[in-house]
Amino acid sequence: MELWELSARESIRETEAAYSRFVDSGRFDELLALFSEDAQLDIDGEMPLVGRAAIRSYLSRVGEALAEDRTVPLIRHMTSNLHIAVASPEEARAECYFVAITEEGVDHWGRYRDRLVPFGDRWVFTYRRVRTDGMRPDGWAAHRAANR
């Protein structure tokens, strides 16, 4: 493995971790910097979101819904089993599992599938697919899905 690939892998690992940290704390400016300008966020059950403005708008609405629906508007995403495949110095793919926790415990879980490219000194998402594999029947995600 060459040094550029090791560097790419570490940058991708940081991008993956930063996504959860920023989305959970509502730090949307920092979150959006993890996406290319024309990135697509594809979330099961939603229309694909293309571009930073659409992604910001959607995530802001989700944050507002969480605050309205929860006694404690807390969500934490935990990721695991990160697999990174660096195809070239210009393209990589990553996938991992996630578990989302609210103040009531495990709420929903699934996986991320990503395409990333280098941008400046970091790697950013050009595509992120969020697939929810399951949810607690009485949890926040189930309530939100029922009210769409």
Foldseek 3Di string as FASTA:
>chain_A
DDPLVVLQVVLVVVLVVVLQVCLQVVVLVVNLVQEDQQAWEAEPPDDIQTGSVSVNVVSVVVQVLLVVPDPDSGKGKDWDDKDKAAPDLFKIKIKIKIFMADPVGTFWIFMKIFMWGDDPSHIHTRYIYTYIPDGDCPHDVVVVSVVD
